[in-house]
């Protein structure tokens, strides 16, 4: 790798990690605002009949999975899983950060979201969720900025896999 390629790779890594840091900052600020402004289990209607901000504490995984589990190991297992996921995502991001791609942005969003939720679990054993969508009796589990970043990042990775061009197709476009 020549010096020019190395400098470009380092610049791209900075951008990817800046995306992750932006997600962490937005997640921390939004959770702090919700926890400080809305009492636990209270709501503020934003779009009546569809969306409200509701302060909930999720001791389970994303979207409340395993929240009802009484296992004494639940938080520890979720923290361990988060740390393993962070290691894998960080390694993939480091490996794939030579240019600004959908893959890199997706991994950066997942990294930022994973750190945001891990931060909560390590400090309090639960995650603050507040985006609350519903339609009539149909209700989506509350989620937060970190969850949103993880889902958007995963969707970007899936889109990249499904719609990626083969090397032959890329040459034909040039």
C-alpha atoms as a PDB file:
ATOM      1  CA  UNK A   1       0.000   0.000   0.000  1.00  0.00           C
ATOM      2  CA  UNK A   2       1.528   3.334  -1.035  1.00  0.00           C
ATOM      3  CA  UNK A   3       1.403   6.463   1.131  1.00  0.00           C
ATOM      4  CA  UNK A   4      -1.437   8.023  -0.858  1.00  0.00           C
ATOM      5  CA  UNK A   5      -3.652   4.934  -0.482  1.00  0.00           C
ATOM      6  CA  UNK A   6      -2.751   4.720   3.196  1.00  0.00           C
ATOM      7  CA  UNK A   7      -3.728   8.369   3.791  1.00  0.00           C
ATOM      8  CA  UNK A   8      -7.051   7.870   1.984  1.00  0.00           C
ATOM      9  CA  UNK A   9      -7.774   4.744   4.045  1.00  0.00           C
ATOM     10  CA  UNK A  10      -7.057   6.614   7.285  1.00  0.00           C
ATOM     11  CA  UNK A  11      -9.294   9.492   6.170  1.00  0.00           C
ATOM     12  CA  UNK A  12     -12.151   7.110   5.384  1.00  0.00           C
ATOM     13  CA  UNK A  13     -11.730   5.371   8.731  1.00  0.00           C
ATOM     14  CA  UNK A  14     -12.073   8.754  10.414  1.00  0.00           C
ATOM     15  CA  UNK A  15     -15.347   9.376   8.583  1.00  0.00           C
ATOM     16  CA  UNK A  16     -16.705   5.960   9.498  1.00  0.00           C
ATOM     17  CA  UNK A  17     -15.802   6.393  13.145  1.00  0.00           C
ATOM     18  CA  UNK A  18     -17.239   9.936  13.091  1.00  0.00           C
ATOM     19  CA  UNK A  19     -20.542   8.431  11.915  1.00  0.00           C
ATOM     20  CA  UNK A  20     -20.415   5.981  14.842  1.00  0.00           C
ATOM     21  CA  UNK A  21     -19.587   8.786  17.288  1.00  0.00           C
ATOM     22  CA  UNK A  22     -22.448  10.913  15.926  1.00  0.00           C
ATOM     23  CA  UNK A  23     -24.864   8.023  16.537  1.00  0.00           C
ATOM     24  CA  UNK A  24     -23.539   7.602  20.101  1.00  0.00           C
ATOM     25  CA  UNK A  25     -23.882  11.332  20.844  1.00  0.00           C
ATOM     26  CA  UNK A  26     -27.420  11.525  19.401  1.00  0.00           C
ATOM     27  CA  UNK A  27     -28.388   8.380  21.315  1.00  0.00           C
ATOM     28  CA  UNK A  28     -26.976   9.605  24.637  1.00  0.00           C
ATOM     29  CA  UNK A  29     -28.524  13.076  24.254  1.00  0.00           C
ATOM     30  CA  UNK A  30     -31.967  11.746  23.280  1.00  0.00           C
ATOM     31  CA  UNK A  31     -32.029   9.242  26.157  1.00  0.00           C
ATOM     32  CA  UNK A  32     -30.906  11.951  28.592  1.00  0.00           C
ATOM     33  CA  UNK A  33     -33.629  14.322  27.343  1.00  0.00           C
ATOM     34  CA  UNK A  34     -36.340  11.665  27.561  1.00  0.00           C
ATOM     35  CA  UNK A  35     -35.277  10.440  31.010  1.00  0.00           C
ATOM     36  CA  UNK A  36     -35.140  14.041  32.261  1.00  0.00           C
ATOM     37  CA  UNK A  37     -38.368  15.241  30.644  1.00  0.00           C
ATOM     38  CA  UNK A  38     -40.789  12.312  30.682  1.00  0.00           C
ATOM     39  CA  UNK A  39     -41.592  10.287  33.780  1.00  0.00           C
ATOM     40  CA  UNK A  40     -41.138   6.537  33.462  1.00  0.00           C
ATOM     41  CA  UNK A  41     -44.114   5.006  31.557  1.00  0.00           C
ATOM     42  CA  UNK A  42     -45.552   8.432  30.714  1.00  0.00           C
ATOM     43  CA  UNK A  43     -46.082   9.545  27.105  1.00  0.00           C
ATOM     44  CA  UNK A  44     -46.196  12.673  25.002  1.00  0.00           C
ATOM     45  CA  UNK A  45     -48.443  12.372  21.955  1.00  0.00           C
ATOM     46  CA  UNK A  46     -46.677  13.541  18.772  1.00  0.00           C
ATOM     47  CA  UNK A  47     -49.005  12.216  16.055  1.00  0.00           C
ATOM     48  CA  UNK A  48     -52.232  11.110  17.775  1.00  0.00           C
ATOM     49  CA  UNK A  49     -53.213   7.570  16.859  1.00  0.00           C
ATOM     50  CA  UNK A  50     -49.775   6.785  15.409  1.00  0.00           C
ATOM     51  CA  UNK A  51     -46.696   8.055  17.307  1.00  0.00           C
ATOM     52  CA  UNK A  52     -45.807   9.182  20.797  1.00  0.00           C
ATOM     53  CA  UNK A  53     -42.701   9.530  22.929  1.00  0.00           C
ATOM     54  CA  UNK A  54     -42.994   7.087  25.824  1.00  0.00           C
ATOM     55  CA  UNK A  55     -40.290   6.670  28.467  1.00  0.00           C
ATOM     56  CA  UNK A  56     -39.713   2.951  29.037  1.00  0.00           C
ATOM     57  CA  UNK A  57     -36.810   0.936  30.389  1.00  0.00           C
ATOM     58  CA  UNK A  58     -35.980  -2.152  28.381  1.00  0.00           C
ATOM     59  CA  UNK A  59     -34.056  -4.804  30.275  1.00  0.00           C
ATOM     60  CA  UNK A  60     -34.199  -7.148  27.276  1.00  0.00           C
ATOM     61  CA  UNK A  61     -32.675  -7.080  23.819  1.00  0.00           C
ATOM     62  CA  UNK A  62     -33.789  -4.965  20.861  1.00  0.00           C
ATOM     63  CA  UNK A  63     -37.521  -4.192  20.744  1.00  0.00           C
ATOM     64  CA  UNK A  64     -38.051  -5.800  24.150  1.00  0.00           C
ATOM     65  CA  UNK A  65     -36.981  -9.333  23.218  1.00  0.00           C
ATOM     66  CA  UNK A  66     -36.303 -11.359  26.383  1.00  0.00           C
ATOM     67  CA  UNK A  67     -37.453  -8.447  28.574  1.00  0.00           C
ATOM     68  CA  UNK A  68     -39.773 -10.756  30.512  1.00  0.00           C
ATOM     69  CA  UNK A  69     -37.032 -13.309  31.182  1.00  0.00           C
ATOM     70  CA  UNK A  70     -36.256 -13.668  34.873  1.00  0.00           C
ATOM     71  CA  UNK A  71     -32.820 -15.176  34.255  1.00  0.00           C
ATOM     72  CA  UNK A  72     -30.170 -13.722  36.517  1.00  0.00           C
ATOM     73  CA  UNK A  73     -27.737 -14.081  33.607  1.00  0.00           C
ATOM     74  CA  UNK A  74     -29.797 -12.039  31.125  1.00  0.00           C
ATOM     75  CA  UNK A  75     -27.948  -8.703  31.478  1.00  0.00           C
ATOM     76  CA  UNK A  76     -24.548 -10.399  31.529  1.00  0.00           C
ATOM     77  CA  UNK A  77     -25.363 -12.419  28.414  1.00  0.00           C
ATOM     78  CA  UNK A  78     -26.665  -9.318  26.612  1.00  0.00           C
ATOM     79  CA  UNK A  79     -23.498  -7.407  27.562  1.00  0.00           C
ATOM     80  CA  UNK A  80     -21.286 -10.284  26.405  1.00  0.00           C
ATOM     81  CA  UNK A  81     -23.185 -10.560  23.127  1.00  0.00           C
ATOM     82  CA  UNK A  82     -22.861  -6.784  22.631  1.00  0.00           C
ATOM     83  CA  UNK A  83     -19.113  -6.883  23.229  1.00  0.00           C
ATOM     84  CA  UNK A  84     -18.684  -9.777  20.781  1.00  0.00           C
ATOM     85  CA  UNK A  85     -20.799  -7.959  18.187  1.00  0.00           C
ATOM     86  CA  UNK A  86     -18.737  -4.800  18.710  1.00  0.00           C
ATOM     87  CA  UNK A  87     -15.519  -6.733  18.143  1.00  0.00           C
ATOM     88  CA  UNK A  88     -16.828  -8.305  14.917  1.00  0.00           C
ATOM     89  CA  UNK A  89     -18.296  -5.036  13.580  1.00  0.00           C
ATOM     90  CA  UNK A  90     -15.128  -3.097  14.475  1.00  0.00           C
ATOM     91  CA  UNK A  91     -12.927  -5.654  12.697  1.00  0.00           C
ATOM     92  CA  UNK A  92     -15.166  -5.618   9.611  1.00  0.00           C
ATOM     93  CA  UNK A  93     -15.263  -1.829   9.607  1.00  0.00           C
ATOM     94  CA  UNK A  94     -11.479  -1.615   9.936  1.00  0.00           C
ATOM     95  CA  UNK A  95     -11.073  -4.077   7.061  1.00  0.00           C
ATOM     96  CA  UNK A  96     -13.673  -2.393   4.807  1.00  0.00           C
ATOM     97  CA  UNK A  97     -12.951   1.266   5.547  1.00  0.00           C
ATOM     98  CA  UNK A  98     -10.665   1.976   2.589  1.00  0.00           C
ATOM     99  CA  UNK A  99     -13.450   3.906   0.837  1.00  0.00           C
ATOM    100  CA  UNK A 100     -16.848   5.380   1.628  1.00  0.00           C
ATOM    101  CA  UNK A 101     -19.248   2.564   0.771  1.00  0.00           C
ATOM    102  CA  UNK A 102     -22.704   1.464   1.813  1.00  0.00           C
ATOM    103  CA  UNK A 103     -21.024  -1.389   3.695  1.00  0.00           C
ATOM    104  CA  UNK A 104     -18.822   1.020   5.659  1.00  0.00           C
ATOM    105  CA  UNK A 105     -21.698   3.347   6.505  1.00  0.00           C
ATOM    106  CA  UNK A 106     -23.873   0.385   7.543  1.00  0.00           C
ATOM    107  CA  UNK A 107     -21.139  -0.989   9.797  1.00  0.00           C
ATOM    108  CA  UNK A 108     -20.515   2.475  11.288  1.00  0.00           C
ATOM    109  CA  UNK A 109     -24.224   2.852  12.120  1.00  0.00           C
ATOM    110  CA  UNK A 110     -24.288  -0.607  13.721  1.00  0.00           C
ATOM    111  CA  UNK A 111     -21.130   0.182  15.707  1.00  0.00           C
ATOM    112  CA  UNK A 112     -22.553   3.457  17.029  1.00  0.00           C
ATOM    113  CA  UNK A 113     -25.878   1.869  17.936  1.00  0.00           C
ATOM    114  CA  UNK A 114     -24.260  -1.087  19.652  1.00  0.00           C
ATOM    115  CA  UNK A 115     -22.044   1.196  21.745  1.00  0.00           C
ATOM    116  CA  UNK A 116     -25.038   3.382  22.661  1.00  0.00           C
ATOM    117  CA  UNK A 117     -27.071   0.465  23.993  1.00  0.00           C
ATOM    118  CA  UNK A 118     -24.071  -1.225  25.623  1.00  0.00           C
ATOM    119  CA  UNK A 119     -23.366   2.037  27.470  1.00  0.00           C
ATOM    120  CA  UNK A 120     -26.845   1.891  29.055  1.00  0.00           C
ATOM    121  CA  UNK A 121     -26.590  -1.786  29.956  1.00  0.00           C
ATOM    122  CA  UNK A 122     -23.221  -1.328  31.629  1.00  0.00           C
ATOM    123  CA  UNK A 123     -24.403   1.687  33.658  1.00  0.00           C
ATOM    124  CA  UNK A 124     -27.942   0.670  34.586  1.00  0.00           C
ATOM    125  CA  UNK A 125     -28.663  -2.863  33.363  1.00  0.00           C
ATOM    126  CA  UNK A 126     -31.393  -1.574  31.021  1.00  0.00           C
ATOM    127  CA  UNK A 127     -31.819   0.597  27.936  1.00  0.00           C
ATOM    128  CA  UNK A 128     -34.016   3.694  27.712  1.00  0.00           C
ATOM    129  CA  UNK A 129     -36.496   3.387  24.830  1.00  0.00           C
ATOM    130  CA  UNK A 130     -38.944   6.067  23.758  1.00  0.00           C
ATOM    131  CA  UNK A 131     -40.008   5.971  20.081  1.00  0.00           C
ATOM    132  CA  UNK A 132     -43.486   4.461  20.359  1.00  0.00           C
ATOM    133  CA  UNK A 133     -45.438   3.694  17.150  1.00  0.00           C
ATOM    134  CA  UNK A 134     -48.945   2.232  17.143  1.00  0.00           C
ATOM    135  CA  UNK A 135     -52.019   2.047  14.959  1.00  0.00           C
ATOM    136  CA  UNK A 136     -55.257   1.168  16.693  1.00  0.00           C
ATOM    137  CA  UNK A 137     -54.578  -1.969  18.718  1.00  0.00           C
ATOM    138  CA  UNK A 138     -51.389  -2.748  16.751  1.00  0.00           C
ATOM    139  CA  UNK A 139     -48.320  -1.623  18.654  1.00  0.00           C
ATOM    140  CA  UNK A 140     -44.627  -1.783  17.731  1.00  0.00           C
ATOM    141  CA  UNK A 141     -42.295  -2.166  20.742  1.00  0.00           C
ATOM    142  CA  UNK A 142     -40.650   1.090  21.806  1.00  0.00           C
ATOM    143  CA  UNK A 143     -37.112   1.694  20.564  1.00  0.00           C
ATOM    144  CA  UNK A 144     -34.405   4.368  20.593  1.00  0.00           C
ATOM    145  CA  UNK A 145     -31.831   6.110  18.356  1.00  0.00           C
ATOM    146  CA  UNK A 146     -29.290   3.291  18.839  1.00  0.00           C
ATOM    147  CA  UNK A 147     -31.832   0.653  17.799  1.00  0.00           C
ATOM    148  CA  UNK A 148     -32.716   2.760  14.751  1.00  0.00           C
ATOM    149  CA  UNK A 149     -29.059   3.050  13.730  1.00  0.00           C
ATOM    150  CA  UNK A 150     -28.561  -0.711  14.096  1.00  0.00           C
ATOM    151  CA  UNK A 151     -31.625  -1.509  11.970  1.00  0.00           C
ATOM    152  CA  UNK A 152     -30.743   1.064   9.283  1.00  0.00           C
ATOM    153  CA  UNK A 153     -27.145  -0.214   9.231  1.00  0.00           C
ATOM    154  CA  UNK A 154     -28.322  -3.809   8.872  1.00  0.00           C
ATOM    155  CA  UNK A 155     -30.713  -2.825   6.068  1.00  0.00           C
ATOM    156  CA  UNK A 156     -27.848  -1.083   4.247  1.00  0.00           C
ATOM    157  CA  UNK A 157     -25.744  -4.251   4.534  1.00  0.00           C
ATOM    158  CA  UNK A 158     -28.591  -6.405   3.222  1.00  0.00           C
ATOM    159  CA  UNK A 159     -29.167  -3.969   0.333  1.00  0.00           C
ATOM    160  CA  UNK A 160     -25.458  -4.076  -0.493  1.00  0.00           C
ATOM    161  CA  UNK A 161     -25.533  -7.877  -0.558  1.00  0.00           C
ATOM    162  CA  UNK A 162     -28.732  -8.092  -2.621  1.00  0.00           C
ATOM    163  CA  UNK A 163     -27.873  -5.375  -5.137  1.00  0.00           C
ATOM    164  CA  UNK A 164     -24.070  -5.604  -5.360  1.00  0.00           C
ATOM    165  CA  UNK A 165     -22.619  -5.723  -8.827  1.00  0.00           C
ATOM    166  CA  UNK A 166     -20.219  -8.453  -9.785  1.00  0.00           C
ATOM    167  CA  UNK A 167     -16.702  -7.394 -10.877  1.00  0.00           C
ATOM    168  CA  UNK A 168     -17.695  -8.094 -14.514  1.00  0.00           C
ATOM    169  CA  UNK A 169     -20.751  -5.823 -14.201  1.00  0.00           C
ATOM    170  CA  UNK A 170     -18.624  -3.070 -12.656  1.00  0.00           C
ATOM    171  CA  UNK A 171     -16.158  -3.221 -15.575  1.00  0.00           C
ATOM    172  CA  UNK A 172     -19.019  -3.067 -18.088  1.00  0.00           C
ATOM    173  CA  UNK A 173     -20.315   0.166 -16.489  1.00  0.00           C
ATOM    174  CA  UNK A 174     -16.943   1.910 -16.808  1.00  0.00           C
END
